[in-house]
Amino acid sequence: MKLETKRTYLRKFVESDVTQIFKWGQNPVYKRTAGFSNIKDKYQAKQAIAQYMARPLSFAVVLKETDEVIGVVELSNRGEEQESGLLATKELGLMLDQAYWGQHIMSEVLPLIIDFARDELHLTELWAGVYPDNKASKNLLLKFHFEYKYQVDYSVMYQFADYQEDYYRLKLN
């Protein structure tokens, strides 16, 4: 399956994407909106790009017009236990460069990922965690029929965590 929209295509990350990862890691807006890691130097950026390259369902969102990496789409495991049914689900992660916010790019990409998850990966559900104040991401998920399920307060579970996430689910079958 070719992962392509009118304006973008998805591809695996490559080493030369390190510059964009470093740029995003330097900008606190991506930490606030998508939980993107703070990256202090080129060494950390190289470690981060290696992690993205190693993840089987981690994709760079590339603008066709310029061949520029403008975002990230990932599908991550929610668990490893067969009996729980979690292997048939994934957690969706999305991030878009702020220069492209408001241009409806993720409105093109998300249906592509939903179809890929259902038709190619044969998943039964997609989940997405969103910071409570990220209204744009919440609206995107709702537009594509994700349903709000619950909120997790990570400060209760982890000593140094001070955030909450709202979780949304999309049934694929």
C-alpha atoms as a PDB file:
ATOM      1  CA  MET A   1       0.000   0.000   0.000  1.00  0.00           C
ATOM      2  CA  LYS A   2       1.361   3.383  -0.984  1.00  0.00           C
ATOM      3  CA  LEU A   3       0.882   5.874   1.849  1.00  0.00           C
ATOM      4  CA  GLU A   4       0.181   9.052  -0.057  1.00  0.00           C
ATOM      5  CA  THR A   5      -2.298  11.933   0.008  1.00  0.00           C
ATOM      6  CA  LYS A   6      -2.860  14.827  -2.368  1.00  0.00           C
ATOM      7  CA  ARG A   7      -0.135  16.941  -0.719  1.00  0.00           C
ATOM      8  CA  THR A   8       1.955  14.475   1.275  1.00  0.00           C
ATOM      9  CA  TYR A   9       3.439  11.031   1.408  1.00  0.00           C
ATOM     10  CA  LEU A  10       4.597   8.919   4.324  1.00  0.00           C
ATOM     11  CA  ARG A  11       7.957   7.184   4.427  1.00  0.00           C
ATOM     12  CA  LYS A  12      10.281   5.638   6.958  1.00  0.00           C
ATOM     13  CA  PHE A  13      12.638   8.017   8.712  1.00  0.00           C
ATOM     14  CA  VAL A  14      16.218   8.226   7.420  1.00  0.00           C
ATOM     15  CA  GLU A  15      19.404   9.554   9.022  1.00  0.00           C
ATOM     16  CA  SER A  16      19.231  12.858   7.153  1.00  0.00           C
ATOM     17  CA  ASP A  17      15.957  13.643   8.984  1.00  0.00           C
ATOM     18  CA  VAL A  18      18.059  14.318  12.082  1.00  0.00           C
ATOM     19  CA  THR A  19      18.057  18.065  11.320  1.00  0.00           C
ATOM     20  CA  GLN A  20      14.266  18.264  11.510  1.00  0.00           C
ATOM     21  CA  ILE A  21      14.137  16.139  14.665  1.00  0.00           C
ATOM     22  CA  PHE A  22      16.702  18.470  16.267  1.00  0.00           C
ATOM     23  CA  LYS A  23      14.649  21.532  15.234  1.00  0.00           C
ATOM     24  CA  TRP A  24      11.476  20.104  16.770  1.00  0.00           C
ATOM     25  CA  GLY A  25      13.321  19.037  19.911  1.00  0.00           C
ATOM     26  CA  GLN A  26      14.506  22.618  20.430  1.00  0.00           C
ATOM     27  CA  ASN A  27      10.992  24.083  20.249  1.00  0.00           C
ATOM     28  CA  PRO A  28       8.921  23.738  23.450  1.00  0.00           C
ATOM     29  CA  VAL A  29       5.636  24.002  21.518  1.00  0.00           C
ATOM     30  CA  TYR A  30       6.031  20.362  20.416  1.00  0.00           C
ATOM     31  CA  LYS A  31       6.579  19.199  23.994  1.00  0.00           C
ATOM     32  CA  ARG A  32       3.431  21.085  25.068  1.00  0.00           C
ATOM     33  CA  THR A  33       1.214  19.877  22.235  1.00  0.00           C
ATOM     34  CA  ALA A  34       2.525  16.386  21.418  1.00  0.00           C
ATOM     35  CA  GLY A  35       4.859  15.314  24.210  1.00  0.00           C
ATOM     36  CA  PHE A  36       7.845  15.512  21.852  1.00  0.00           C
ATOM     37  CA  SER A  37      11.134  15.109  23.707  1.00  0.00           C
ATOM     38  CA  ASN A  38      13.355  18.066  24.472  1.00  0.00           C
ATOM     39  CA  ILE A  39      16.563  17.540  22.506  1.00  0.00           C
ATOM     40  CA  LYS A  40      19.564  19.439  23.816  1.00  0.00           C
ATOM     41  CA  ASP A  41      22.209  18.669  21.208  1.00  0.00           C
ATOM     42  CA  LYS A  42      23.030  16.867  17.955  1.00  0.00           C
ATOM     43  CA  TYR A  43      24.022  13.711  19.839  1.00  0.00           C
ATOM     44  CA  GLN A  44      20.532  13.421  21.355  1.00  0.00           C
ATOM     45  CA  ALA A  45      19.014  14.175  17.946  1.00  0.00           C
ATOM     46  CA  LYS A  46      21.006  11.291  16.426  1.00  0.00           C
ATOM     47  CA  GLN A  47      19.758   8.989  19.191  1.00  0.00           C
ATOM     48  CA  ALA A  48      16.181  10.130  18.548  1.00  0.00           C
ATOM     49  CA  ILE A  49      16.376   9.571  14.789  1.00  0.00           C
ATOM     50  CA  ALA A  50      17.802   6.094  15.385  1.00  0.00           C
ATOM     51  CA  GLN A  51      14.769   5.309  17.563  1.00  0.00           C
ATOM     52  CA  TYR A  52      12.354   6.576  14.911  1.00  0.00           C
ATOM     53  CA  MET A  53      14.146   4.522  12.249  1.00  0.00           C
ATOM     54  CA  ALA A  54      13.946   1.384  14.398  1.00  0.00           C
ATOM     55  CA  ARG A  55      10.190   1.599  15.020  1.00  0.00           C
ATOM     56  CA  PRO A  56       8.357  -0.404  12.363  1.00  0.00           C
ATOM     57  CA  LEU A  57       5.283   1.849  12.234  1.00  0.00           C
ATOM     58  CA  SER A  58       6.906   5.266  12.566  1.00  0.00           C
ATOM     59  CA  PHE A  59       6.609   7.480   9.505  1.00  0.00           C
ATOM     60  CA  ALA A  60       7.820  10.872   8.399  1.00  0.00           C
ATOM     61  CA  VAL A  61       5.103  13.017   6.834  1.00  0.00           C
ATOM     62  CA  VAL A  62       6.701  14.565   3.753  1.00  0.00           C
ATOM     63  CA  LEU A  63       5.349  17.492   1.740  1.00  0.00           C
ATOM     64  CA  LYS A  64       5.361  16.431  -1.924  1.00  0.00           C
ATOM     65  CA  GLU A  65       5.961  19.939  -3.239  1.00  0.00           C
ATOM     66  CA  THR A  66       9.279  20.418  -1.401  1.00  0.00           C
ATOM     67  CA  ASP A  67      10.228  16.925  -0.138  1.00  0.00           C
ATOM     68  CA  GLU A  68      10.426  18.470   3.341  1.00  0.00           C
ATOM     69  CA  VAL A  69       9.637  16.420   6.458  1.00  0.00           C
ATOM     70  CA  ILE A  70       6.749  18.258   8.104  1.00  0.00           C
ATOM     71  CA  GLY A  71       5.421  15.769  10.609  1.00  0.00           C
ATOM     72  CA  VAL A  72       5.367  12.408  12.327  1.00  0.00           C
ATOM     73  CA  VAL A  73       2.796   9.614  12.336  1.00  0.00           C
ATOM     74  CA  GLU A  74       3.283   6.589  14.548  1.00  0.00           C
ATOM     75  CA  LEU A  75       1.349   3.514  15.483  1.00  0.00           C
ATOM     76  CA  SER A  76       2.625   2.072  18.755  1.00  0.00           C
ATOM     77  CA  ASN A  77       1.860  -1.103  20.650  1.00  0.00           C
ATOM     78  CA  ARG A  78      -0.573  -0.805  23.536  1.00  0.00           C
ATOM     79  CA  GLY A  79       0.424  -4.169  25.005  1.00  0.00           C
ATOM     80  CA  GLU A  80       1.995  -7.494  24.189  1.00  0.00           C
ATOM     81  CA  GLU A  81      -0.473  -9.957  25.683  1.00  0.00           C
ATOM     82  CA  GLN A  82      -2.493 -11.981  23.157  1.00  0.00           C
ATOM     83  CA  GLU A  83      -5.371 -12.793  25.528  1.00  0.00           C
ATOM     84  CA  SER A  84      -6.145  -9.131  26.240  1.00  0.00           C
ATOM     85  CA  GLY A  85      -6.725  -8.338  22.577  1.00  0.00           C
ATOM     86  CA  LEU A  86      -4.258  -5.456  22.740  1.00  0.00           C
ATOM     87  CA  LEU A  87      -2.197  -6.876  19.870  1.00  0.00           C
ATOM     88  CA  ALA A  88      -5.098  -5.991  17.564  1.00  0.00           C
ATOM     89  CA  THR A  89      -4.966  -2.352  18.671  1.00  0.00           C
ATOM     90  CA  LYS A  90      -2.423   0.441  18.334  1.00  0.00           C
ATOM     91  CA  GLU A  91      -1.946   3.882  19.783  1.00  0.00           C
ATOM     92  CA  LEU A  92      -1.811   6.670  17.235  1.00  0.00           C
ATOM     93  CA  GLY A  93       0.674   9.509  17.552  1.00  0.00           C
ATOM     94  CA  LEU A  94       0.581  12.571  15.314  1.00  0.00           C
ATOM     95  CA  MET A  95       2.717  15.676  15.178  1.00  0.00           C
ATOM     96  CA  LEU A  96       2.817  18.417  12.552  1.00  0.00           C
ATOM     97  CA  ASP A  97       5.324  21.233  12.151  1.00  0.00           C
ATOM     98  CA  GLN A  98       3.652  24.405  13.373  1.00  0.00           C
ATOM     99  CA  ALA A  99       4.377  26.150  10.050  1.00  0.00           C
ATOM    100  CA  TYR A 100       1.676  23.869   8.599  1.00  0.00           C
ATOM    101  CA  TRP A 101      -0.952  24.124  11.335  1.00  0.00           C
ATOM    102  CA  GLY A 102      -4.390  25.155  10.078  1.00  0.00           C
ATOM    103  CA  GLN A 103      -3.771  23.794   6.558  1.00  0.00           C
ATOM    104  CA  HIS A 104      -5.746  20.555   7.148  1.00  0.00           C
ATOM    105  CA  ILE A 105      -2.781  18.350   6.319  1.00  0.00           C
ATOM    106  CA  MET A 106      -3.534  15.902   9.120  1.00  0.00           C
ATOM    107  CA  SER A 107      -7.137  15.780   7.878  1.00  0.00           C
ATOM    108  CA  GLU A 108      -5.656  14.227   4.727  1.00  0.00           C
ATOM    109  CA  VAL A 109      -3.199  11.965   6.547  1.00  0.00           C
ATOM    110  CA  LEU A 110      -5.490  10.536   9.223  1.00  0.00           C
ATOM    111  CA  PRO A 111      -7.907   8.720   6.852  1.00  0.00           C
ATOM    112  CA  LEU A 112      -4.886   7.197   5.132  1.00  0.00           C
ATOM    113  CA  ILE A 113      -3.611   5.870   8.468  1.00  0.00           C
ATOM    114  CA  ILE A 114      -7.060   4.629   9.481  1.00  0.00           C
ATOM    115  CA  ASP A 115      -7.378   2.678   6.218  1.00  0.00           C
ATOM    116  CA  PHE A 116      -3.831   1.322   6.598  1.00  0.00           C
ATOM    117  CA  ALA A 117      -4.513   0.214  10.186  1.00  0.00           C
ATOM    118  CA  ARG A 118      -7.763  -1.519   9.237  1.00  0.00           C
ATOM    119  CA  ASP A 119      -6.936  -2.953   5.797  1.00  0.00           C
ATOM    120  CA  GLU A 120      -3.216  -3.717   5.998  1.00  0.00           C
ATOM    121  CA  LEU A 121      -2.577  -4.264   9.714  1.00  0.00           C
ATOM    122  CA  HIS A 122      -6.036  -5.761  10.403  1.00  0.00           C
ATOM    123  CA  LEU A 123      -6.399  -3.807  13.630  1.00  0.00           C
ATOM    124  CA  THR A 124      -9.679  -3.656  15.514  1.00  0.00           C
ATOM    125  CA  GLU A 125      -9.092  -0.311  17.273  1.00  0.00           C
ATOM    126  CA  LEU A 126      -6.963   2.796  17.190  1.00  0.00           C
ATOM    127  CA  TRP A 127      -6.400   4.802  20.373  1.00  0.00           C
ATOM    128  CA  ALA A 128      -5.016   8.311  20.730  1.00  0.00           C
ATOM    129  CA  GLY A 129      -3.912  10.236  23.805  1.00  0.00           C
ATOM    130  CA  VAL A 130      -4.283  14.003  23.655  1.00  0.00           C
ATOM    131  CA  TYR A 131      -3.365  16.684  26.150  1.00  0.00           C
ATOM    132  CA  PRO A 132      -6.607  18.209  27.502  1.00  0.00           C
ATOM    133  CA  ASP A 133      -5.860  21.696  26.145  1.00  0.00           C
ATOM    134  CA  ASN A 134      -4.956  20.520  22.610  1.00  0.00           C
ATOM    135  CA  LYS A 135      -8.273  21.449  21.020  1.00  0.00           C
ATOM    136  CA  ALA A 136      -7.045  21.095  17.424  1.00  0.00           C
ATOM    137  CA  SER A 137      -6.028  17.464  17.930  1.00  0.00           C
ATOM    138  CA  LYS A 138      -9.249  16.676  19.773  1.00  0.00           C
ATOM    139  CA  ASN A 139     -11.288  18.198  16.949  1.00  0.00           C
ATOM    140  CA  LEU A 140      -9.322  16.184  14.380  1.00  0.00           C
ATOM    141  CA  LEU A 141     -10.006  12.939  16.217  1.00  0.00           C
ATOM    142  CA  LEU A 142     -13.697  13.737  16.636  1.00  0.00           C
ATOM    143  CA  LYS A 143     -13.974  14.606  12.930  1.00  0.00           C
ATOM    144  CA  PHE A 144     -12.915  11.038  12.145  1.00  0.00           C
ATOM    145  CA  HIS A 145     -15.271   9.462  14.710  1.00  0.00           C
ATOM    146  CA  PHE A 146     -12.863   8.756  17.542  1.00  0.00           C
ATOM    147  CA  GLU A 147     -14.823   8.671  20.804  1.00  0.00           C
ATOM    148  CA  TYR A 148     -13.631  10.126  24.095  1.00  0.00           C
ATOM    149  CA  LYS A 149     -13.177   7.305  26.626  1.00  0.00           C
ATOM    150  CA  TYR A 150     -11.304   8.565  29.701  1.00  0.00           C
ATOM    151  CA  GLN A 151      -8.589  10.781  31.152  1.00  0.00           C
ATOM    152  CA  VAL A 152      -5.384   9.543  32.762  1.00  0.00           C
ATOM    153  CA  ASP A 153      -3.642  11.667  35.396  1.00  0.00           C
ATOM    154  CA  TYR A 154      -0.033  10.571  35.120  1.00  0.00           C
ATOM    155  CA  SER A 155       0.988  12.529  38.226  1.00  0.00           C
ATOM    156  CA  VAL A 156      -0.835   9.895  40.297  1.00  0.00           C
ATOM    157  CA  MET A 157       1.218   7.075  38.769  1.00  0.00           C
ATOM    158  CA  TYR A 158       4.626   8.654  38.255  1.00  0.00           C
ATOM    159  CA  GLN A 159       6.482  10.876  40.688  1.00  0.00           C
ATOM    160  CA  PHE A 160       7.879  13.285  38.080  1.00  0.00           C
ATOM    161  CA  ALA A 161       4.925  13.353  35.700  1.00  0.00           C
ATOM    162  CA  ASP A 162       2.695  16.388  35.955  1.00  0.00           C
ATOM    163  CA  TYR A 163       0.267  15.982  33.089  1.00  0.00           C
ATOM    164  CA  GLN A 164      -2.994  14.396  32.024  1.00  0.00           C
ATOM    165  CA  GLU A 165      -4.057  12.854  28.749  1.00  0.00           C
ATOM    166  CA  ASP A 166      -7.527  12.373  27.322  1.00  0.00           C
ATOM    167  CA  TYR A 167      -7.881   9.051  25.488  1.00  0.00           C
ATOM    168  CA  TYR A 168      -9.975   8.545  22.390  1.00  0.00           C
ATOM    169  CA  ARG A 169     -10.833   5.289  20.615  1.00  0.00           C
ATOM    170  CA  LEU A 170     -11.854   4.471  17.059  1.00  0.00           C
ATOM    171  CA  LYS A 171     -13.346   1.048  16.385  1.00  0.00           C
ATOM    172  CA  LEU A 172     -12.175  -0.218  12.995  1.00  0.00           C
ATOM    173  CA  ASN A 173     -14.480  -3.186  12.430  1.00  0.00           C
END
